[in-house]
Amino acid sequence: SLLNSRGEAREEVKLYLGGLFFKEAPKDGRYPWVFSTFDLDRHEERIDPKGWRLENYLKNPVVLWAHDSRIPAIGNAEGVAVTGGVLGGTVCFNEQSIDPFGWGIGQRVRTGVIRAGSVGFMVEKVEVTDSGDKSRLVIRQQELLEFSICNVPANPFALGSRGITHTEDISTPKKQEVRWFDLVAPSVY
């Protein structure tokens, strides 16, 4: 872990433009990653970290390139869990000998060219609220289907480091109007 027992960033990382990046790449090719936070995303939605259902993903913890399930996975994820309000895990890229493309994405991550990721999930319950900020949807329950390495994530905090946490808690809407919906529709963020 890149965090000490008090949840503070260890010496291996430094703060830079709101994100934490490695001073040098991990020696074992395993990359701690923030998958999702409760922050307002670029779709003006929030995903509640308490609502993640992971049991099926943990049976097949694929890491894809840009949500493209038509090509083989470029790696897998280990240790996926919600900790401290953050869904995260460790990304392990395929070896060069079996997957030059996936290995190449891993090399781009190693050098810092690519730093972002994105969750692919199925929405099960969403809250529509007038919270007074840009957020009108809070996704309260969701099943993780896949995690993707990508160039531009919906959640700007879904970066290659476990050192980022959500910036605010909106688990309770600021205004009274709340409507619940049960959904079964795949979503990619």
N, C-alpha and C. Protein backbone atom coordinates (compact mmCIF):
# COMPACT_ATOMS: atom_id res chain seq x y z
N SER A 1 0.83 -1.19 0.00
CA SER A 1 0.00 0.00 0.00
C SER A 1 0.87 1.24 0.00
N LEU A 2 0.38 2.27 -0.63
CA LEU A 2 1.10 3.53 -0.65
C LEU A 2 0.75 4.41 0.53
N LEU A 3 -0.14 3.91 1.41
CA LEU A 3 -0.55 4.68 2.58
C LEU A 3 0.02 4.05 3.84
N ASN A 4 0.36 4.88 4.82
CA ASN A 4 0.81 4.35 6.09
C ASN A 4 -0.41 4.02 6.95
N SER A 5 -0.19 3.60 8.19
CA SER A 5 -1.29 3.16 9.05
C SER A 5 -2.27 4.28 9.39
N ARG A 6 -1.86 5.52 9.25
CA ARG A 6 -2.74 6.66 9.50
C ARG A 6 -3.46 7.12 8.24
N GLY A 7 -3.29 6.42 7.11
CA GLY A 7 -3.95 6.79 5.86
C GLY A 7 -3.26 7.91 5.11
N GLU A 8 -2.02 8.22 5.48
CA GLU A 8 -1.27 9.28 4.82
C GLU A 8 -0.38 8.69 3.73
N ALA A 9 -0.11 9.48 2.69
CA ALA A 9 0.74 9.02 1.60
C ALA A 9 2.15 8.77 2.12
N ARG A 10 2.72 7.65 1.73
CA ARG A 10 4.11 7.35 2.09
C ARG A 10 5.06 8.14 1.20
N GLU A 11 6.32 7.95 1.40
CA GLU A 11 7.36 8.69 0.68
C GLU A 11 7.37 8.36 -0.81
N GLU A 12 6.79 7.20 -1.22
CA GLU A 12 6.86 6.78 -2.62
C GLU A 12 6.07 7.66 -3.57
N VAL A 13 5.21 8.52 -3.05
CA VAL A 13 4.36 9.33 -3.92
C VAL A 13 4.53 10.80 -3.60
N LYS A 14 4.13 11.62 -4.54
CA LYS A 14 4.13 13.07 -4.31
C LYS A 14 2.85 13.67 -4.85
N LEU A 15 2.41 14.75 -4.28
CA LEU A 15 1.20 15.42 -4.72
C LEU A 15 1.51 16.28 -5.93
N TYR A 16 0.67 16.15 -6.97
CA TYR A 16 0.88 16.93 -8.18
C TYR A 16 -0.46 17.19 -8.85
N LEU A 17 -0.89 18.41 -8.95
CA LEU A 17 -2.14 18.78 -9.63
C LEU A 17 -3.34 17.95 -9.20
N GLY A 18 -3.50 17.77 -7.91
CA GLY A 18 -4.67 17.08 -7.40
C GLY A 18 -4.59 15.57 -7.47
N GLY A 19 -3.52 15.02 -7.96
CA GLY A 19 -3.38 13.57 -8.03
C GLY A 19 -2.07 13.13 -7.43
N LEU A 20 -1.99 11.86 -7.09
CA LEU A 20 -0.76 11.32 -6.55
C LEU A 20 -0.13 10.39 -7.57
N PHE A 21 1.13 10.57 -7.82
CA PHE A 21 1.82 9.77 -8.83
C PHE A 21 3.08 9.16 -8.23
N PHE A 22 3.52 8.07 -8.78
CA PHE A 22 4.71 7.40 -8.30
C PHE A 22 5.96 8.20 -8.59
N LYS A 23 6.90 8.25 -7.63
CA LYS A 23 8.21 8.82 -7.93
C LYS A 23 8.92 7.90 -8.91
N GLU A 24 8.73 6.62 -8.73
CA GLU A 24 9.25 5.65 -9.69
C GLU A 24 8.27 4.49 -9.75
N ALA A 25 8.26 3.78 -10.85
CA ALA A 25 7.30 2.70 -11.05
C ALA A 25 7.55 1.57 -10.05
N PRO A 26 6.47 0.91 -9.60
CA PRO A 26 6.65 -0.24 -8.72
C PRO A 26 7.53 -1.29 -9.41
N LYS A 27 8.39 -1.93 -8.64
CA LYS A 27 9.34 -2.90 -9.21
C LYS A 27 8.65 -4.18 -9.70
N ASP A 28 7.53 -4.54 -9.10
CA ASP A 28 6.88 -5.81 -9.46
C ASP A 28 5.83 -5.68 -10.55
N GLY A 29 5.65 -4.50 -11.13
CA GLY A 29 4.67 -4.33 -12.21
C GLY A 29 3.24 -4.30 -11.75
N ARG A 30 3.00 -4.13 -10.46
CA ARG A 30 1.66 -4.04 -9.91
C ARG A 30 1.41 -2.57 -9.57
N TYR A 31 0.26 -2.07 -10.00
CA TYR A 31 -0.03 -0.66 -9.86
C TYR A 31 -1.26 -0.42 -9.01
N PRO A 32 -1.10 0.13 -7.80
CA PRO A 32 -2.27 0.49 -7.00
C PRO A 32 -3.09 1.54 -7.76
N TRP A 33 -4.43 1.39 -7.69
CA TRP A 33 -5.28 2.24 -8.51
C TRP A 33 -6.55 2.62 -7.78
N VAL A 34 -6.97 3.86 -7.91
CA VAL A 34 -8.29 4.28 -7.48
C VAL A 34 -9.25 3.96 -8.63
N PHE A 35 -10.24 3.13 -8.37
CA PHE A 35 -11.21 2.77 -9.40
C PHE A 35 -12.36 3.78 -9.44
N SER A 36 -12.85 4.17 -8.25
CA SER A 36 -14.01 5.06 -8.19
C SER A 36 -14.05 5.74 -6.82
N THR A 37 -14.56 6.98 -6.81
CA THR A 37 -14.76 7.73 -5.58
C THR A 37 -16.17 8.30 -5.57
N PHE A 38 -16.53 8.99 -4.51
CA PHE A 38 -17.86 9.59 -4.39
C PHE A 38 -17.88 11.01 -4.96
N ASP A 39 -16.81 11.43 -5.59
CA ASP A 39 -16.73 12.78 -6.13
C ASP A 39 -17.69 12.97 -7.31
N LEU A 40 -18.06 14.21 -7.54
CA LEU A 40 -18.86 14.57 -8.70
C LEU A 40 -18.04 14.25 -9.95
N ASP A 41 -18.62 13.45 -10.86
CA ASP A 41 -17.86 13.09 -12.07
C ASP A 41 -18.21 14.03 -13.22
N ARG A 42 -17.63 13.78 -14.35
CA ARG A 42 -17.81 14.65 -15.51
C ARG A 42 -19.20 14.53 -16.15
N HIS A 43 -19.98 13.54 -15.70
CA HIS A 43 -21.37 13.39 -16.14
C HIS A 43 -22.32 14.04 -15.14
N GLU A 44 -21.73 14.76 -14.16
CA GLU A 44 -22.47 15.40 -13.08
C GLU A 44 -23.28 14.40 -12.26
N GLU A 45 -22.65 13.27 -11.99
CA GLU A 45 -23.24 12.21 -11.16
C GLU A 45 -22.22 11.82 -10.11
N ARG A 46 -22.71 11.13 -9.11
CA ARG A 46 -21.85 10.58 -8.06
C ARG A 46 -22.16 9.10 -7.93
N ILE A 47 -21.15 8.32 -7.59
CA ILE A 47 -21.32 6.89 -7.36
C ILE A 47 -20.99 6.61 -5.90
N ASP A 48 -21.98 6.13 -5.17
CA ASP A 48 -21.82 5.86 -3.74
C ASP A 48 -20.90 4.65 -3.53
N PRO A 49 -19.76 4.84 -2.88
CA PRO A 49 -18.85 3.71 -2.68
C PRO A 49 -19.45 2.60 -1.81
N LYS A 50 -20.41 2.95 -0.95
CA LYS A 50 -21.04 1.92 -0.11
C LYS A 50 -21.94 0.99 -0.92
N GLY A 51 -22.28 1.38 -2.16
CA GLY A 51 -23.21 0.60 -2.97
C GLY A 51 -22.56 -0.39 -3.92
N TRP A 52 -21.24 -0.53 -3.89
CA TRP A 52 -20.59 -1.44 -4.85
C TRP A 52 -20.87 -2.89 -4.50
N ARG A 53 -21.34 -3.64 -5.49
CA ARG A 53 -21.45 -5.10 -5.39
C ARG A 53 -20.29 -5.68 -6.20
N LEU A 54 -19.42 -6.41 -5.54
CA LEU A 54 -18.17 -6.87 -6.14
C LEU A 54 -18.09 -8.38 -6.33
N GLU A 55 -19.01 -9.15 -5.78
CA GLU A 55 -18.85 -10.60 -5.75
C GLU A 55 -18.64 -11.22 -7.13
N ASN A 56 -19.36 -10.80 -8.14
CA ASN A 56 -19.17 -11.37 -9.48
C ASN A 56 -17.87 -10.88 -10.12
N TYR A 57 -17.54 -9.61 -9.93
CA TYR A 57 -16.29 -9.10 -10.49
C TYR A 57 -15.08 -9.83 -9.90
N LEU A 58 -15.12 -10.13 -8.63
CA LEU A 58 -13.98 -10.80 -7.99
C LEU A 58 -13.75 -12.21 -8.55
N LYS A 59 -14.78 -12.80 -9.16
CA LYS A 59 -14.62 -14.11 -9.81
C LYS A 59 -13.93 -13.97 -11.16
N ASN A 60 -13.99 -12.79 -11.76
CA ASN A 60 -13.41 -12.53 -13.08
C ASN A 60 -12.92 -11.08 -13.13
N PRO A 61 -11.84 -10.76 -12.40
CA PRO A 61 -11.41 -9.37 -12.24
C PRO A 61 -10.62 -8.82 -13.42
N VAL A 62 -11.31 -8.65 -14.54
CA VAL A 62 -10.65 -8.22 -15.78
C VAL A 62 -10.35 -6.73 -15.77
N VAL A 63 -9.23 -6.40 -16.41
CA VAL A 63 -8.87 -5.02 -16.69
C VAL A 63 -8.86 -4.91 -18.21
N LEU A 64 -9.67 -4.00 -18.74
CA LEU A 64 -9.80 -3.83 -20.18
C LEU A 64 -9.11 -2.54 -20.62
N TRP A 65 -8.97 -2.39 -21.91
CA TRP A 65 -8.52 -1.13 -22.48
C TRP A 65 -9.76 -0.38 -22.95
N ALA A 66 -10.04 0.79 -22.38
CA ALA A 66 -11.09 1.71 -22.81
C ALA A 66 -12.46 1.03 -22.98
N HIS A 67 -12.79 0.14 -22.06
CA HIS A 67 -14.10 -0.53 -22.02
C HIS A 67 -14.37 -1.39 -23.26
N ASP A 68 -13.34 -1.80 -23.95
CA ASP A 68 -13.52 -2.60 -25.17
C ASP A 68 -13.47 -4.08 -24.81
N SER A 69 -14.65 -4.69 -24.67
CA SER A 69 -14.72 -6.12 -24.32
C SER A 69 -14.56 -7.02 -25.54
N ARG A 70 -14.38 -6.43 -26.73
CA ARG A 70 -14.20 -7.23 -27.95
C ARG A 70 -12.77 -7.74 -28.07
N ILE A 71 -11.85 -7.12 -27.36
CA ILE A 71 -10.46 -7.60 -27.37
C ILE A 71 -10.16 -8.24 -26.01
N PRO A 72 -9.20 -9.14 -25.96
CA PRO A 72 -8.89 -9.78 -24.67
C PRO A 72 -8.46 -8.75 -23.62
N ALA A 73 -8.70 -9.11 -22.36
CA ALA A 73 -8.31 -8.25 -21.25
C ALA A 73 -6.81 -7.98 -21.30
N ILE A 74 -6.42 -6.76 -20.91
CA ILE A 74 -5.01 -6.39 -20.91
C ILE A 74 -4.34 -6.71 -19.58
N GLY A 75 -5.13 -7.18 -18.62
CA GLY A 75 -4.60 -7.55 -17.32
C GLY A 75 -5.72 -7.94 -16.38
N ASN A 76 -5.38 -7.99 -15.10
CA ASN A 76 -6.39 -8.29 -14.10
C ASN A 76 -6.17 -7.40 -12.89
N ALA A 77 -7.11 -7.48 -11.96
CA ALA A 77 -7.04 -6.67 -10.75
C ALA A 77 -6.99 -7.58 -9.54
N GLU A 78 -6.26 -7.16 -8.54
CA GLU A 78 -6.15 -7.90 -7.28
C GLU A 78 -6.53 -6.97 -6.13
N GLY A 79 -7.01 -7.57 -5.05
CA GLY A 79 -7.29 -6.80 -3.84
C GLY A 79 -8.35 -5.73 -4.01
N VAL A 80 -9.31 -5.96 -4.88
CA VAL A 80 -10.35 -4.96 -5.13
C VAL A 80 -11.29 -4.89 -3.93
N ALA A 81 -11.45 -3.68 -3.39
CA ALA A 81 -12.30 -3.47 -2.21
C ALA A 81 -12.60 -2.00 -2.06
N VAL A 82 -13.60 -1.72 -1.24
CA VAL A 82 -13.89 -0.35 -0.85
C VAL A 82 -13.22 -0.11 0.49
N THR A 83 -12.32 0.87 0.52
CA THR A 83 -11.59 1.22 1.73
C THR A 83 -11.59 2.73 1.88
N GLY A 84 -12.03 3.20 3.02
CA GLY A 84 -12.01 4.63 3.27
C GLY A 84 -12.79 5.44 2.26
N GLY A 85 -13.90 4.93 1.77
CA GLY A 85 -14.73 5.66 0.82
C GLY A 85 -14.22 5.63 -0.61
N VAL A 86 -13.27 4.74 -0.90
CA VAL A 86 -12.69 4.65 -2.25
C VAL A 86 -12.73 3.20 -2.70
N LEU A 87 -13.24 2.96 -3.92
CA LEU A 87 -13.12 1.64 -4.54
C LEU A 87 -11.77 1.60 -5.22
N GLY A 88 -10.95 0.63 -4.87
CA GLY A 88 -9.62 0.55 -5.47
C GLY A 88 -9.11 -0.87 -5.51
N GLY A 89 -7.96 -1.03 -6.11
CA GLY A 89 -7.32 -2.32 -6.22
C GLY A 89 -5.96 -2.17 -6.85
N THR A 90 -5.36 -3.29 -7.17
CA THR A 90 -4.05 -3.30 -7.80
C THR A 90 -4.19 -3.85 -9.21
N VAL A 91 -3.72 -3.10 -10.19
CA VAL A 91 -3.78 -3.52 -11.59
C VAL A 91 -2.49 -4.23 -11.95
N CYS A 92 -2.62 -5.41 -12.56
CA CYS A 92 -1.49 -6.21 -13.02
C CYS A 92 -1.64 -6.41 -14.52
N PHE A 93 -0.70 -5.93 -15.29
CA PHE A 93 -0.78 -6.03 -16.75
C PHE A 93 -0.23 -7.36 -17.24
N ASN A 94 -0.71 -7.80 -18.40
CA ASN A 94 -0.24 -9.04 -19.01
C ASN A 94 1.25 -8.94 -19.37
N GLU A 95 1.88 -10.10 -19.44
CA GLU A 95 3.29 -10.16 -19.83
C GLU A 95 3.43 -9.91 -21.33
N GLN A 96 4.56 -9.38 -21.72
CA GLN A 96 4.83 -9.06 -23.13
C GLN A 96 4.75 -10.30 -24.01
N SER A 97 5.21 -11.44 -23.50
CA SER A 97 5.27 -12.65 -24.31
C SER A 97 3.88 -13.17 -24.72
N ILE A 98 2.86 -12.89 -23.93
CA ILE A 98 1.52 -13.37 -24.28
C ILE A 98 0.61 -12.27 -24.80
N ASP A 99 0.95 -11.01 -24.54
CA ASP A 99 0.07 -9.91 -24.93
C ASP A 99 0.87 -8.61 -25.12
N PRO A 100 1.48 -8.44 -26.28
CA PRO A 100 2.26 -7.21 -26.51
C PRO A 100 1.43 -5.93 -26.35
N PHE A 101 0.16 -5.96 -26.74
CA PHE A 101 -0.67 -4.76 -26.61
C PHE A 101 -0.90 -4.41 -25.14
N GLY A 102 -1.39 -5.37 -24.35
CA GLY A 102 -1.63 -5.12 -22.93
C GLY A 102 -0.36 -4.72 -22.20
N TRP A 103 0.74 -5.40 -22.52
CA TRP A 103 2.03 -5.07 -21.92
C TRP A 103 2.40 -3.63 -22.27
N GLY A 104 2.13 -3.23 -23.53
CA GLY A 104 2.44 -1.87 -23.96
C GLY A 104 1.63 -0.82 -23.20
N ILE A 105 0.37 -1.13 -22.90
CA ILE A 105 -0.42 -0.22 -22.07
C ILE A 105 0.22 -0.13 -20.68
N GLY A 106 0.65 -1.25 -20.16
CA GLY A 106 1.34 -1.26 -18.87
C GLY A 106 2.61 -0.41 -18.88
N GLN A 107 3.32 -0.43 -19.99
CA GLN A 107 4.53 0.39 -20.11
C GLN A 107 4.17 1.88 -20.13
N ARG A 108 3.05 2.20 -20.77
CA ARG A 108 2.61 3.60 -20.79
C ARG A 108 2.22 4.06 -19.38
N VAL A 109 1.61 3.16 -18.61
CA VAL A 109 1.30 3.46 -17.21
C VAL A 109 2.61 3.62 -16.43
N ARG A 110 3.55 2.72 -16.63
CA ARG A 110 4.83 2.76 -15.92
C ARG A 110 5.55 4.09 -16.13
N THR A 111 5.49 4.63 -17.35
CA THR A 111 6.20 5.87 -17.65
C THR A 111 5.35 7.11 -17.36
N GLY A 112 4.09 6.92 -16.98
CA GLY A 112 3.24 8.06 -16.65
C GLY A 112 2.50 8.67 -17.82
N VAL A 113 2.59 8.05 -18.99
CA VAL A 113 1.87 8.55 -20.17
C VAL A 113 0.37 8.38 -19.97
N ILE A 114 -0.03 7.23 -19.42
CA ILE A 114 -1.43 6.97 -19.09
C ILE A 114 -1.52 6.84 -17.58
N ARG A 115 -2.50 7.54 -16.98
CA ARG A 115 -2.64 7.54 -15.53
C ARG A 115 -4.06 7.28 -15.07
N ALA A 116 -5.00 7.13 -15.98
CA ALA A 116 -6.41 7.12 -15.61
C ALA A 116 -7.08 5.77 -15.83
N GLY A 117 -8.20 5.59 -15.16
CA GLY A 117 -9.00 4.39 -15.30
C GLY A 117 -10.47 4.72 -15.17
N SER A 118 -11.32 3.74 -15.43
CA SER A 118 -12.76 3.97 -15.44
C SER A 118 -13.49 2.67 -15.14
N VAL A 119 -14.58 2.77 -14.37
CA VAL A 119 -15.37 1.59 -14.04
C VAL A 119 -16.47 1.37 -15.06
N GLY A 120 -16.71 0.11 -15.38
CA GLY A 120 -17.87 -0.31 -16.17
C GLY A 120 -18.78 -1.05 -15.21
N PHE A 121 -20.03 -0.65 -15.11
CA PHE A 121 -20.90 -1.24 -14.09
C PHE A 121 -22.35 -1.24 -14.53
N MET A 122 -23.16 -1.99 -13.79
CA MET A 122 -24.60 -2.03 -14.02
C MET A 122 -25.27 -1.30 -12.87
N VAL A 123 -26.05 -0.28 -13.20
CA VAL A 123 -26.76 0.50 -12.19
C VAL A 123 -27.94 -0.31 -11.67
N GLU A 124 -28.08 -0.38 -10.36
CA GLU A 124 -29.21 -1.09 -9.76
C GLU A 124 -30.17 -0.15 -9.03
N LYS A 125 -29.62 0.91 -8.42
CA LYS A 125 -30.47 1.86 -7.72
C LYS A 125 -29.85 3.24 -7.84
N VAL A 126 -30.69 4.21 -8.19
CA VAL A 126 -30.21 5.58 -8.34
C VAL A 126 -31.15 6.53 -7.60
N GLU A 127 -30.57 7.56 -7.05
CA GLU A 127 -31.33 8.58 -6.33
C GLU A 127 -31.30 9.85 -7.17
N VAL A 128 -32.47 10.43 -7.40
CA VAL A 128 -32.56 11.71 -8.11
C VAL A 128 -32.87 12.74 -7.04
N THR A 129 -32.05 13.78 -6.98
CA THR A 129 -32.21 14.75 -5.91
C THR A 129 -31.83 16.14 -6.40
N ASP A 130 -32.33 17.13 -5.71
CA ASP A 130 -31.92 18.50 -5.95
C ASP A 130 -31.00 18.86 -4.79
N SER A 131 -29.72 18.63 -4.97
CA SER A 131 -28.77 18.78 -3.88
C SER A 131 -28.17 20.18 -3.78
N GLY A 132 -28.50 21.05 -4.71
CA GLY A 132 -27.96 22.40 -4.66
C GLY A 132 -26.64 22.55 -5.39
N ASP A 133 -26.01 21.45 -5.79
CA ASP A 133 -24.81 21.54 -6.63
C ASP A 133 -25.17 21.00 -8.00
N LYS A 134 -24.20 20.71 -8.81
CA LYS A 134 -24.46 20.21 -10.16
C LYS A 134 -25.03 18.80 -10.17
N SER A 135 -24.82 18.08 -9.10
CA SER A 135 -25.23 16.68 -9.04
C SER A 135 -26.74 16.54 -8.90
N ARG A 136 -27.35 15.79 -9.81
CA ARG A 136 -28.76 15.46 -9.68
C ARG A 136 -28.95 13.96 -9.50
N LEU A 137 -27.97 13.18 -9.91
CA LEU A 137 -28.06 11.73 -9.77
C LEU A 137 -26.97 11.23 -8.82
N VAL A 138 -27.39 10.40 -7.90
CA VAL A 138 -26.45 9.69 -7.05
C VAL A 138 -26.74 8.22 -7.27
N ILE A 139 -25.79 7.52 -7.83
CA ILE A 139 -25.95 6.09 -8.06
C ILE A 139 -25.65 5.41 -6.73
N ARG A 140 -26.67 4.79 -6.14
CA ARG A 140 -26.57 4.26 -4.78
C ARG A 140 -26.22 2.77 -4.72
N GLN A 141 -26.58 2.02 -5.75
CA GLN A 141 -26.22 0.60 -5.76
C GLN A 141 -25.86 0.22 -7.18
N GLN A 142 -24.71 -0.50 -7.33
CA GLN A 142 -24.20 -0.82 -8.65
C GLN A 142 -23.31 -2.06 -8.58
N GLU A 143 -23.34 -2.83 -9.67
CA GLU A 143 -22.50 -4.02 -9.76
C GLU A 143 -21.31 -3.71 -10.67
N LEU A 144 -20.10 -3.92 -10.16
CA LEU A 144 -18.90 -3.72 -10.96
C LEU A 144 -18.78 -4.85 -11.97
N LEU A 145 -18.69 -4.49 -13.27
CA LEU A 145 -18.55 -5.48 -14.34
C LEU A 145 -17.10 -5.58 -14.80
N GLU A 146 -16.43 -4.42 -14.90
CA GLU A 146 -15.05 -4.39 -15.37
C GLU A 146 -14.40 -3.08 -14.96
N PHE A 147 -13.09 -3.07 -14.98
CA PHE A 147 -12.33 -1.85 -14.79
C PHE A 147 -11.46 -1.67 -16.03
N SER A 148 -11.39 -0.43 -16.52
CA SER A 148 -10.62 -0.16 -17.73
C SER A 148 -9.56 0.89 -17.48
N ILE A 149 -8.44 0.69 -18.10
CA ILE A 149 -7.43 1.74 -18.22
C ILE A 149 -7.89 2.58 -19.41
N CYS A 150 -7.81 3.90 -19.29
CA CYS A 150 -8.28 4.75 -20.38
C CYS A 150 -7.52 6.07 -20.37
N ASN A 151 -7.70 6.83 -21.41
CA ASN A 151 -7.03 8.12 -21.51
C ASN A 151 -7.71 9.21 -20.70
N VAL A 152 -9.05 9.25 -20.72
CA VAL A 152 -9.79 10.29 -20.02
C VAL A 152 -10.94 9.64 -19.25
N PRO A 153 -10.90 9.63 -17.93
CA PRO A 153 -11.97 9.00 -17.16
C PRO A 153 -13.12 9.96 -16.87
N ALA A 154 -14.30 9.41 -16.60
CA ALA A 154 -15.42 10.25 -16.15
C ALA A 154 -15.12 10.81 -14.76
N ASN A 155 -14.53 9.99 -13.92
CA ASN A 155 -14.16 10.42 -12.56
C ASN A 155 -12.71 10.88 -12.60
N PRO A 156 -12.46 12.18 -12.42
CA PRO A 156 -11.09 12.68 -12.53
C PRO A 156 -10.15 12.19 -11.43
N PHE A 157 -10.69 11.49 -10.42
CA PHE A 157 -9.86 10.96 -9.35
C PHE A 157 -9.56 9.47 -9.53
N ALA A 158 -10.01 8.86 -10.63
CA ALA A 158 -9.75 7.45 -10.90
C ALA A 158 -8.36 7.33 -11.53
N LEU A 159 -7.36 7.44 -10.68
CA LEU A 159 -5.97 7.50 -11.14
C LEU A 159 -5.12 6.39 -10.54
N GLY A 160 -3.97 6.19 -11.13
CA GLY A 160 -3.05 5.15 -10.71
C GLY A 160 -2.37 5.44 -9.40
N SER A 161 -3.12 5.45 -8.33
CA SER A 161 -2.59 5.62 -6.99
C SER A 161 -3.71 5.41 -6.01
N ARG A 162 -3.45 4.76 -4.90
CA ARG A 162 -4.47 4.62 -3.87
C ARG A 162 -4.46 5.82 -2.93
N GLY A 163 -3.67 6.84 -3.23
CA GLY A 163 -3.54 7.96 -2.32
C GLY A 163 -4.60 9.02 -2.45
N ILE A 164 -5.56 8.86 -3.33
CA ILE A 164 -6.58 9.88 -3.52
C ILE A 164 -7.86 9.42 -2.85
N THR A 165 -8.50 10.30 -2.13
CA THR A 165 -9.80 9.97 -1.53
C THR A 165 -10.82 10.98 -2.01
N HIS A 166 -12.09 10.65 -1.82
CA HIS A 166 -13.14 11.56 -2.26
C HIS A 166 -13.04 12.86 -1.49
N THR A 167 -13.47 13.95 -2.09
CA THR A 167 -13.29 15.27 -1.50
C THR A 167 -14.45 15.71 -0.63
N GLU A 168 -15.60 15.10 -0.79
CA GLU A 168 -16.74 15.50 0.04
C GLU A 168 -17.70 14.34 0.19
N ASP A 169 -18.53 14.40 1.21
CA ASP A 169 -19.50 13.35 1.46
C ASP A 169 -20.89 13.90 1.21
N ILE A 170 -21.61 13.32 0.27
CA ILE A 170 -22.99 13.76 0.04
C ILE A 170 -23.93 12.58 0.24
N SER A 171 -23.61 11.71 1.19
CA SER A 171 -24.44 10.53 1.40
C SER A 171 -25.86 10.90 1.81
N THR A 172 -26.06 12.07 2.38
CA THR A 172 -27.39 12.55 2.70
C THR A 172 -27.69 13.75 1.82
N PRO A 173 -28.75 13.69 1.01
CA PRO A 173 -29.08 14.84 0.15
C PRO A 173 -29.31 16.10 0.97
N LYS A 174 -28.99 17.25 0.40
CA LYS A 174 -29.13 18.52 1.11
C LYS A 174 -30.57 19.00 1.13
N LYS A 175 -31.39 18.56 0.18
CA LYS A 175 -32.80 18.94 0.15
C LYS A 175 -33.66 17.69 0.27
N GLN A 176 -34.95 17.90 0.52
CA GLN A 176 -35.85 16.79 0.82
C GLN A 176 -36.22 15.90 -0.37
N GLU A 177 -36.33 16.44 -1.56
CA GLU A 177 -36.88 15.66 -2.67
C GLU A 177 -35.93 14.55 -3.12
N VAL A 178 -36.35 13.31 -2.88
CA VAL A 178 -35.57 12.14 -3.25
C VAL A 178 -36.51 11.14 -3.88
N ARG A 179 -36.13 10.61 -5.05
CA ARG A 179 -36.91 9.56 -5.70
C ARG A 179 -35.96 8.40 -5.98
N TRP A 180 -36.41 7.19 -5.70
CA TRP A 180 -35.59 6.00 -5.93
C TRP A 180 -36.08 5.26 -7.15
N PHE A 181 -35.17 4.74 -7.93
CA PHE A 181 -35.50 3.95 -9.10
C PHE A 181 -34.66 2.68 -9.07
N ASP A 182 -35.23 1.57 -9.44
CA ASP A 182 -34.47 0.35 -9.64
C ASP A 182 -34.19 0.24 -11.12
N LEU A 183 -32.94 0.10 -11.50
CA LEU A 183 -32.54 0.04 -12.89
C LEU A 183 -31.75 -1.23 -13.16
N VAL A 184 -31.84 -1.69 -14.37
CA VAL A 184 -30.95 -2.73 -14.85
C VAL A 184 -30.50 -2.29 -16.24
N ALA A 185 -29.41 -1.55 -16.27
CA ALA A 185 -28.88 -1.02 -17.52
C ALA A 185 -27.39 -0.89 -17.39
N PRO A 186 -26.61 -1.40 -18.35
CA PRO A 186 -25.17 -1.26 -18.24
C PRO A 186 -24.74 0.18 -18.39
N SER A 187 -23.77 0.59 -17.61
CA SER A 187 -23.24 1.94 -17.66
C SER A 187 -21.73 1.88 -17.70
N VAL A 188 -21.13 2.84 -18.34
CA VAL A 188 -19.70 2.93 -18.40
C VAL A 188 -19.30 4.32 -17.96
N TYR A 189 -18.47 4.41 -16.96
CA TYR A 189 -18.02 5.71 -16.44
C TYR A 189 -16.54 5.68 -16.33
